[in-house]
Amino acid sequence: MSTTSNYASATKKSTNVSLAENLLAEAKELRINVSQAAEAGVTRAVAEKRAEIWLKENWEAIESSNTYVEKHGLPLEKYRMF
């Protein structure tokens, strides 16, 4: 499921955003919908931050699993076809 689709149909709320004047002018010249572009950027930033937090919260379990595999190999390795 795409993160973007979670927000696409959500109720919108007006907000103020400060952008460099020349960036805004170029976006308008290129007919870029600034609201959609900003939403896409914030959506991406939220997803990246959530992934970062998840990795921090699960680092210990990931390290434990990696240590186990290094020590004992993959649990079902004898069934691998490659």
PDB file of N, CA and C in Angstrom:
ATOM      1  N   MET A   1       0.846  -1.171   0.000  1.00  0.00           N
ATOM      2  CA  MET A   1       0.000   0.000   0.000  1.00  0.00           C
ATOM      3  C   MET A   1       0.890   1.233   0.000  1.00  0.00           C
ATOM      4  N   SER A   2       0.616   2.130  -0.861  1.00  0.00           N
ATOM      5  CA  SER A   2       1.401   3.344  -0.989  1.00  0.00           C
ATOM      6  C   SER A   2       1.023   4.346   0.093  1.00  0.00           C
ATOM      7  N   THR A   3       2.036   4.979   0.664  1.00  0.00           N
ATOM      8  CA  THR A   3       1.786   5.999   1.678  1.00  0.00           C
ATOM      9  C   THR A   3       1.028   7.171   1.093  1.00  0.00           C
ATOM     10  N   THR A   4       1.337   7.513  -0.160  1.00  0.00           N
ATOM     11  CA  THR A   4       0.674   8.636  -0.811  1.00  0.00           C
ATOM     12  C   THR A   4      -0.826   8.431  -0.874  1.00  0.00           C
ATOM     13  N   SER A   5      -1.282   7.227  -1.165  1.00  0.00           N
ATOM     14  CA  SER A   5      -2.716   6.977  -1.281  1.00  0.00           C
ATOM     15  C   SER A   5      -3.436   7.171   0.048  1.00  0.00           C
ATOM     16  N   ASN A   6      -2.732   7.034   1.165  1.00  0.00           N
ATOM     17  CA  ASN A   6      -3.340   7.264   2.476  1.00  0.00           C
ATOM     18  C   ASN A   6      -3.735   8.720   2.657  1.00  0.00           C
ATOM     19  N   TYR A   7      -3.045   9.631   1.994  1.00  0.00           N
ATOM     20  CA  TYR A   7      -3.276  11.048   2.167  1.00  0.00           C
ATOM     21  C   TYR A   7      -4.045  11.678   1.011  1.00  0.00           C
ATOM     22  N   ALA A   8      -4.103  11.012  -0.127  1.00  0.00           N
ATOM     23  CA  ALA A   8      -4.684  11.594  -1.338  1.00  0.00           C
ATOM     24  C   ALA A   8      -6.134  12.029  -1.144  1.00  0.00           C
ATOM     25  N   SER A   9      -6.917  11.237  -0.449  1.00  0.00           N
ATOM     26  CA  SER A   9      -8.334  11.567  -0.292  1.00  0.00           C
ATOM     27  C   SER A   9      -8.648  12.197   1.068  1.00  0.00           C
ATOM     28  N   ALA A  10      -7.628  12.479   1.849  1.00  0.00           N
ATOM     29  CA  ALA A  10      -7.831  13.057   3.178  1.00  0.00           C
ATOM     30  C   ALA A  10      -8.304  14.504   3.067  1.00  0.00           C
ATOM     31  N   THR A  11      -8.977  14.954   4.092  1.00  0.00           N
ATOM     32  CA  THR A  11      -9.401  16.349   4.161  1.00  0.00           C
ATOM     33  C   THR A  11      -8.164  17.237   4.179  1.00  0.00           C
ATOM     34  N   LYS A  12      -8.201  18.306   3.422  1.00  0.00           N
ATOM     35  CA  LYS A  12      -7.057  19.213   3.316  1.00  0.00           C
ATOM     36  C   LYS A  12      -7.196  20.354   4.313  1.00  0.00           C
ATOM     37  N   LYS A  13      -6.073  20.870   4.780  1.00  0.00           N
ATOM     38  CA  LYS A  13      -6.044  22.003   5.699  1.00  0.00           C
ATOM     39  C   LYS A  13      -5.065  23.021   5.138  1.00  0.00           C
ATOM     40  N   SER A  14      -5.497  24.264   5.052  1.00  0.00           N
ATOM     41  CA  SER A  14      -4.630  25.338   4.566  1.00  0.00           C
ATOM     42  C   SER A  14      -3.490  25.570   5.546  1.00  0.00           C
ATOM     43  N   THR A  15      -2.342  25.911   4.996  1.00  0.00           N
ATOM     44  CA  THR A  15      -1.179  26.219   5.818  1.00  0.00           C
ATOM     45  C   THR A  15      -0.299  27.213   5.071  1.00  0.00           C
ATOM     46  N   ASN A  16       0.570  27.858   5.782  1.00  0.00           N
ATOM     47  CA  ASN A  16       1.519  28.773   5.153  1.00  0.00           C
ATOM     48  C   ASN A  16       2.867  28.074   5.045  1.00  0.00           C
ATOM     49  N   VAL A  17       3.483  28.202   3.890  1.00  0.00           N
ATOM     50  CA  VAL A  17       4.794  27.628   3.651  1.00  0.00           C
ATOM     51  C   VAL A  17       5.662  28.711   3.031  1.00  0.00           C
ATOM     52  N   SER A  18       6.865  28.853   3.516  1.00  0.00           N
ATOM     53  CA  SER A  18       7.790  29.827   2.945  1.00  0.00           C
ATOM     54  C   SER A  18       8.710  29.124   1.961  1.00  0.00           C
ATOM     55  N   LEU A  19       8.780  29.668   0.754  1.00  0.00           N
ATOM     56  CA  LEU A  19       9.635  29.119  -0.297  1.00  0.00           C
ATOM     57  C   LEU A  19      10.483  30.238  -0.882  1.00  0.00           C
ATOM     58  N   ALA A  20      11.615  29.877  -1.418  1.00  0.00           N
ATOM     59  CA  ALA A  20      12.453  30.859  -2.106  1.00  0.00           C
ATOM     60  C   ALA A  20      11.659  31.437  -3.274  1.00  0.00           C
ATOM     61  N   GLU A  21      11.703  32.754  -3.425  1.00  0.00           N
ATOM     62  CA  GLU A  21      10.922  33.421  -4.475  1.00  0.00           C
ATOM     63  C   GLU A  21      11.216  32.870  -5.857  1.00  0.00           C
ATOM     64  N   ASN A  22      12.505  32.677  -6.158  1.00  0.00           N
ATOM     65  CA  ASN A  22      12.858  32.187  -7.498  1.00  0.00           C
ATOM     66  C   ASN A  22      12.378  30.751  -7.721  1.00  0.00           C
ATOM     67  N   LEU A  23      12.355  29.945  -6.667  1.00  0.00           N
ATOM     68  CA  LEU A  23      11.847  28.578  -6.787  1.00  0.00           C
ATOM     69  C   LEU A  23      10.351  28.597  -7.077  1.00  0.00           C
ATOM     70  N   LEU A  24       9.619  29.425  -6.349  1.00  0.00           N
ATOM     71  CA  LEU A  24       8.182  29.534  -6.550  1.00  0.00           C
ATOM     72  C   LEU A  24       7.869  30.061  -7.950  1.00  0.00           C
ATOM     73  N   ALA A  25       8.624  31.044  -8.408  1.00  0.00           N
ATOM     74  CA  ALA A  25       8.420  31.598  -9.754  1.00  0.00           C
ATOM     75  C   ALA A  25       8.667  30.537 -10.823  1.00  0.00           C
ATOM     76  N   GLU A  26       9.723  29.760 -10.650  1.00  0.00           N
ATOM     77  CA  GLU A  26      10.023  28.711 -11.637  1.00  0.00           C
ATOM     78  C   GLU A  26       8.959  27.622 -11.622  1.00  0.00           C
ATOM     79  N   ALA A  27       8.489  27.260 -10.441  1.00  0.00           N
ATOM     80  CA  ALA A  27       7.428  26.259 -10.337  1.00  0.00           C
ATOM     81  C   ALA A  27       6.169  26.736 -11.055  1.00  0.00           C
ATOM     82  N   LYS A  28       5.810  27.996 -10.850  1.00  0.00           N
ATOM     83  CA  LYS A  28       4.626  28.546 -11.527  1.00  0.00           C
ATOM     84  C   LYS A  28       4.831  28.580 -13.032  1.00  0.00           C
ATOM     85  N   GLU A  29       6.037  28.970 -13.465  1.00  0.00           N
ATOM     86  CA  GLU A  29       6.350  29.006 -14.901  1.00  0.00           C
ATOM     87  C   GLU A  29       6.231  27.610 -15.531  1.00  0.00           C
ATOM     88  N   LEU A  30       6.617  26.603 -14.768  1.00  0.00           N
ATOM     89  CA  LEU A  30       6.551  25.221 -15.253  1.00  0.00           C
ATOM     90  C   LEU A  30       5.185  24.577 -14.998  1.00  0.00           C
ATOM     91  N   ARG A  31       4.272  25.360 -14.456  1.00  0.00           N
ATOM     92  CA  ARG A  31       2.903  24.918 -14.166  1.00  0.00           C
ATOM     93  C   ARG A  31       2.865  23.722 -13.204  1.00  0.00           C
ATOM     94  N   ILE A  32       3.725  23.806 -12.213  1.00  0.00           N
ATOM     95  CA  ILE A  32       3.758  22.787 -11.163  1.00  0.00           C
ATOM     96  C   ILE A  32       2.760  23.188 -10.091  1.00  0.00           C
ATOM     97  N   ASN A  33       1.933  22.252  -9.689  1.00  0.00           N
ATOM     98  CA  ASN A  33       0.995  22.497  -8.604  1.00  0.00           C
ATOM     99  C   ASN A  33       1.802  22.454  -7.305  1.00  0.00           C
ATOM    100  N   VAL A  34       2.044  23.620  -6.725  1.00  0.00           N
ATOM    101  CA  VAL A  34       2.907  23.733  -5.554  1.00  0.00           C
ATOM    102  C   VAL A  34       2.326  22.972  -4.365  1.00  0.00           C
ATOM    103  N   SER A  35       1.027  23.007  -4.194  1.00  0.00           N
ATOM    104  CA  SER A  35       0.407  22.276  -3.082  1.00  0.00           C
ATOM    105  C   SER A  35       0.642  20.773  -3.213  1.00  0.00           C
ATOM    106  N   GLN A  36       0.440  20.250  -4.410  1.00  0.00           N
ATOM    107  CA  GLN A  36       0.662  18.820  -4.620  1.00  0.00           C
ATOM    108  C   GLN A  36       2.130  18.454  -4.451  1.00  0.00           C
ATOM    109  N   ALA A  37       3.015  19.300  -4.968  1.00  0.00           N
ATOM    110  CA  ALA A  37       4.451  19.037  -4.841  1.00  0.00           C
ATOM    111  C   ALA A  37       4.878  19.078  -3.373  1.00  0.00           C
ATOM    112  N   ALA A  38       4.359  20.044  -2.620  1.00  0.00           N
ATOM    113  CA  ALA A  38       4.687  20.141  -1.198  1.00  0.00           C
ATOM    114  C   ALA A  38       4.159  18.927  -0.443  1.00  0.00           C
ATOM    115  N   GLU A  39       2.941  18.526  -0.748  1.00  0.00           N
ATOM    116  CA  GLU A  39       2.358  17.361  -0.080  1.00  0.00           C
ATOM    117  C   GLU A  39       3.167  16.105  -0.377  1.00  0.00           C
ATOM    118  N   ALA A  40       3.597  15.956  -1.625  1.00  0.00           N
ATOM    119  CA  ALA A  40       4.408  14.795  -1.991  1.00  0.00           C
ATOM    120  C   ALA A  40       5.733  14.802  -1.225  1.00  0.00           C
ATOM    121  N   GLY A  41       6.339  15.985  -1.098  1.00  0.00           N
ATOM    122  CA  GLY A  41       7.596  16.088  -0.362  1.00  0.00           C
ATOM    123  C   GLY A  41       7.434  15.795   1.114  1.00  0.00           C
ATOM    124  N   VAL A  42       6.381  16.302   1.712  1.00  0.00           N
ATOM    125  CA  VAL A  42       6.133  16.049   3.138  1.00  0.00           C
ATOM    126  C   VAL A  42       5.790  14.576   3.357  1.00  0.00           C
ATOM    127  N   THR A  43       5.032  13.997   2.437  1.00  0.00           N
ATOM    128  CA  THR A  43       4.702  12.563   2.530  1.00  0.00           C
ATOM    129  C   THR A  43       5.970  11.732   2.520  1.00  0.00           C
ATOM    130  N   ARG A  44       6.877  12.058   1.612  1.00  0.00           N
ATOM    131  CA  ARG A  44       8.156  11.336   1.523  1.00  0.00           C
ATOM    132  C   ARG A  44       8.972  11.527   2.806  1.00  0.00           C
ATOM    133  N   ALA A  45       9.023  12.758   3.329  1.00  0.00           N
ATOM    134  CA  ALA A  45       9.775  13.037   4.551  1.00  0.00           C
ATOM    135  C   ALA A  45       9.202  12.261   5.740  1.00  0.00           C
ATOM    136  N   VAL A  46       7.873  12.186   5.826  1.00  0.00           N
ATOM    137  CA  VAL A  46       7.221  11.425   6.905  1.00  0.00           C
ATOM    138  C   VAL A  46       7.578   9.945   6.796  1.00  0.00           C
ATOM    139  N   ALA A  47       7.522   9.394   5.592  1.00  0.00           N
ATOM    140  CA  ALA A  47       7.845   7.977   5.390  1.00  0.00           C
ATOM    141  C   ALA A  47       9.299   7.687   5.760  1.00  0.00           C
ATOM    142  N   GLU A  48      10.209   8.573   5.364  1.00  0.00           N
ATOM    143  CA  GLU A  48      11.623   8.385   5.690  1.00  0.00           C
ATOM    144  C   GLU A  48      11.857   8.452   7.191  1.00  0.00           C
ATOM    145  N   LYS A  49      11.197   9.397   7.857  1.00  0.00           N
ATOM    146  CA  LYS A  49      11.363   9.532   9.305  1.00  0.00           C
ATOM    147  C   LYS A  49      10.780   8.333  10.036  1.00  0.00           C
ATOM    148  N   ARG A  50       9.619   7.840   9.578  1.00  0.00           N
ATOM    149  CA  ARG A  50       9.025   6.648  10.196  1.00  0.00           C
ATOM    150  C   ARG A  50       9.952   5.439  10.040  1.00  0.00           C
ATOM    151  N   ALA A  51      10.577   5.300   8.870  1.00  0.00           N
ATOM    152  CA  ALA A  51      11.516   4.196   8.635  1.00  0.00           C
ATOM    153  C   ALA A  51      12.730   4.316   9.557  1.00  0.00           C
ATOM    154  N   GLU A  52      13.233   5.541   9.722  1.00  0.00           N
ATOM    155  CA  GLU A  52      14.367   5.782  10.611  1.00  0.00           C
ATOM    156  C   GLU A  52      14.019   5.408  12.054  1.00  0.00           C
ATOM    157  N   ILE A  53      12.846   5.827  12.504  1.00  0.00           N
ATOM    158  CA  ILE A  53      12.398   5.505  13.867  1.00  0.00           C
ATOM    159  C   ILE A  53      12.231   4.003  14.037  1.00  0.00           C
ATOM    160  N   TRP A  54      11.647   3.341  13.037  1.00  0.00           N
ATOM    161  CA  TRP A  54      11.440   1.891  13.111  1.00  0.00           C
ATOM    162  C   TRP A  54      12.779   1.173  13.239  1.00  0.00           C
ATOM    163  N   LEU A  55      13.763   1.595  12.432  1.00  0.00           N
ATOM    164  CA  LEU A  55      15.081   0.963  12.507  1.00  0.00           C
ATOM    165  C   LEU A  55      15.716   1.148  13.881  1.00  0.00           C
ATOM    166  N   LYS A  56      15.593   2.348  14.451  1.00  0.00           N
ATOM    167  CA  LYS A  56      16.143   2.595  15.784  1.00  0.00           C
ATOM    168  C   LYS A  56      15.455   1.725  16.827  1.00  0.00           C
ATOM    169  N   GLU A  57      14.121   1.621  16.730  1.00  0.00           N
ATOM    170  CA  GLU A  57      13.358   0.834  17.702  1.00  0.00           C
ATOM    171  C   GLU A  57      13.631  -0.658  17.578  1.00  0.00           C
ATOM    172  N   ASN A  58      13.970  -1.129  16.384  1.00  0.00           N
ATOM    173  CA  ASN A  58      14.138  -2.561  16.148  1.00  0.00           C
ATOM    174  C   ASN A  58      15.586  -2.977  15.930  1.00  0.00           C
ATOM    175  N   TRP A  59      16.515  -2.063  16.138  1.00  0.00           N
ATOM    176  CA  TRP A  59      17.917  -2.333  15.900  1.00  0.00           C
ATOM    177  C   TRP A  59      18.409  -3.540  16.688  1.00  0.00           C
ATOM    178  N   GLU A  60      18.033  -3.620  17.952  1.00  0.00           N
ATOM    179  CA  GLU A  60      18.492  -4.715  18.808  1.00  0.00           C
ATOM    180  C   GLU A  60      18.026  -6.070  18.274  1.00  0.00           C
ATOM    181  N   ALA A  61      16.775  -6.161  17.857  1.00  0.00           N
ATOM    182  CA  ALA A  61      16.250  -7.417  17.320  1.00  0.00           C
ATOM    183  C   ALA A  61      16.931  -7.779  16.000  1.00  0.00           C
ATOM    184  N   ILE A  62      17.176  -6.774  15.167  1.00  0.00           N
ATOM    185  CA  ILE A  62      17.842  -7.022  13.883  1.00  0.00           C
ATOM    186  C   ILE A  62      19.260  -7.524  14.124  1.00  0.00           C
ATOM    187  N   GLU A  63      19.983  -6.888  15.039  1.00  0.00           N
ATOM    188  CA  GLU A  63      21.343  -7.315  15.362  1.00  0.00           C
ATOM    189  C   GLU A  63      21.353  -8.728  15.937  1.00  0.00           C
ATOM    190  N   SER A  64      20.384  -9.039  16.779  1.00  0.00           N
ATOM    191  CA  SER A  64      20.282 -10.374  17.363  1.00  0.00           C
ATOM    192  C   SER A  64      20.061 -11.425  16.276  1.00  0.00           C
ATOM    193  N   SER A  65      19.180 -11.114  15.349  1.00  0.00           N
ATOM    194  CA  SER A  65      18.914 -12.037  14.246  1.00  0.00           C
ATOM    195  C   SER A  65      20.150 -12.213  13.375  1.00  0.00           C
ATOM    196  N   ASN A  66      20.823 -11.125  13.067  1.00  0.00           N
ATOM    197  CA  ASN A  66      22.039 -11.212  12.250  1.00  0.00           C
ATOM    198  C   ASN A  66      23.120 -12.042  12.941  1.00  0.00           C
ATOM    199  N   THR A  67      23.267 -11.855  14.248  1.00  0.00           N
ATOM    200  CA  THR A  67      24.247 -12.622  15.016  1.00  0.00           C
ATOM    201  C   THR A  67      23.914 -14.107  14.982  1.00  0.00           C
ATOM    202  N   TYR A  68      22.623 -14.435  15.140  1.00  0.00           N
ATOM    203  CA  TYR A  68      22.197 -15.835  15.093  1.00  0.00           C
ATOM    204  C   TYR A  68      22.544 -16.462  13.746  1.00  0.00           C
ATOM    205  N   VAL A  69      22.221 -15.753  12.659  1.00  0.00           N
ATOM    206  CA  VAL A  69      22.486 -16.283  11.323  1.00  0.00           C
ATOM    207  C   VAL A  69      23.988 -16.442  11.090  1.00  0.00           C
ATOM    208  N   GLU A  70      24.790 -15.491  11.557  1.00  0.00           N
ATOM    209  CA  GLU A  70      26.241 -15.605  11.412  1.00  0.00           C
ATOM    210  C   GLU A  70      26.778 -16.820  12.157  1.00  0.00           C
ATOM    211  N   LYS A  71      26.193 -17.096  13.291  1.00  0.00           N
ATOM    212  CA  LYS A  71      26.666 -18.189  14.142  1.00  0.00           C
ATOM    213  C   LYS A  71      26.137 -19.554  13.687  1.00  0.00           C
ATOM    214  N   HIS A  72      24.856 -19.618  13.310  1.00  0.00           N
ATOM    215  CA  HIS A  72      24.202 -20.892  13.026  1.00  0.00           C
ATOM    216  C   HIS A  72      23.785 -21.073  11.575  1.00  0.00           C
ATOM    217  N   GLY A  73      23.884 -20.048  10.766  1.00  0.00           N
ATOM    218  CA  GLY A  73      23.397 -20.117   9.392  1.00  0.00           C
ATOM    219  C   GLY A  73      21.889 -19.896   9.346  1.00  0.00           C
ATOM    220  N   LEU A  74      21.349 -19.899   8.137  1.00  0.00           N
ATOM    221  CA  LEU A  74      19.906 -19.716   7.981  1.00  0.00           C
ATOM    222  C   LEU A  74      19.166 -20.963   8.445  1.00  0.00           C
ATOM    223  N   PRO A  75      18.052 -20.797   9.166  1.00  0.00           N
ATOM    224  CA  PRO A  75      17.333 -21.940   9.721  1.00  0.00           C
ATOM    225  C   PRO A  75      16.908 -22.981   8.673  1.00  0.00           C
ATOM    226  N   LEU A  76      16.492 -22.593   7.511  1.00  0.00           N
ATOM    227  CA  LEU A  76      16.018 -23.531   6.495  1.00  0.00           C
ATOM    228  C   LEU A  76      16.973 -23.606   5.303  1.00  0.00           C
ATOM    229  N   GLU A  77      18.237 -23.339   5.539  1.00  0.00           N
ATOM    230  CA  GLU A  77      19.214 -23.268   4.463  1.00  0.00           C
ATOM    231  C   GLU A  77      19.301 -24.560   3.657  1.00  0.00           C
ATOM    232  N   LYS A  78      19.099 -25.710   4.298  1.00  0.00           N
ATOM    233  CA  LYS A  78      19.226 -26.980   3.560  1.00  0.00           C
ATOM    234  C   LYS A  78      18.135 -27.140   2.500  1.00  0.00           C
ATOM    235  N   TYR A  79      17.085 -26.351   2.565  1.00  0.00           N
ATOM    236  CA  TYR A  79      16.000 -26.433   1.572  1.00  0.00           C
ATOM    237  C   TYR A  79      16.145 -25.423   0.434  1.00  0.00           C
ATOM    238  N   ARG A  80      17.180 -24.594   0.487  1.00  0.00           N
ATOM    239  CA  ARG A  80      17.366 -23.584  -0.566  1.00  0.00           C
ATOM    240  C   ARG A  80      17.699 -24.236  -1.878  1.00  0.00           C
ATOM    241  N   MET A  81      17.157 -23.669  -2.948  1.00  0.00           N
ATOM    242  CA  MET A  81      17.400 -24.202  -4.284  1.00  0.00           C
ATOM    243  C   MET A  81      18.523 -23.458  -5.007  1.00  0.00           C
ATOM    244  N   PHE A  82      19.152 -22.502  -4.363  1.00  0.00           N
ATOM    245  CA  PHE A  82      20.226 -21.717  -4.996  1.00  0.00           C
ATOM    246  C   PHE A  82      21.419 -21.597  -4.083  1.00  0.00           C
TER     247      PHE A  82
END
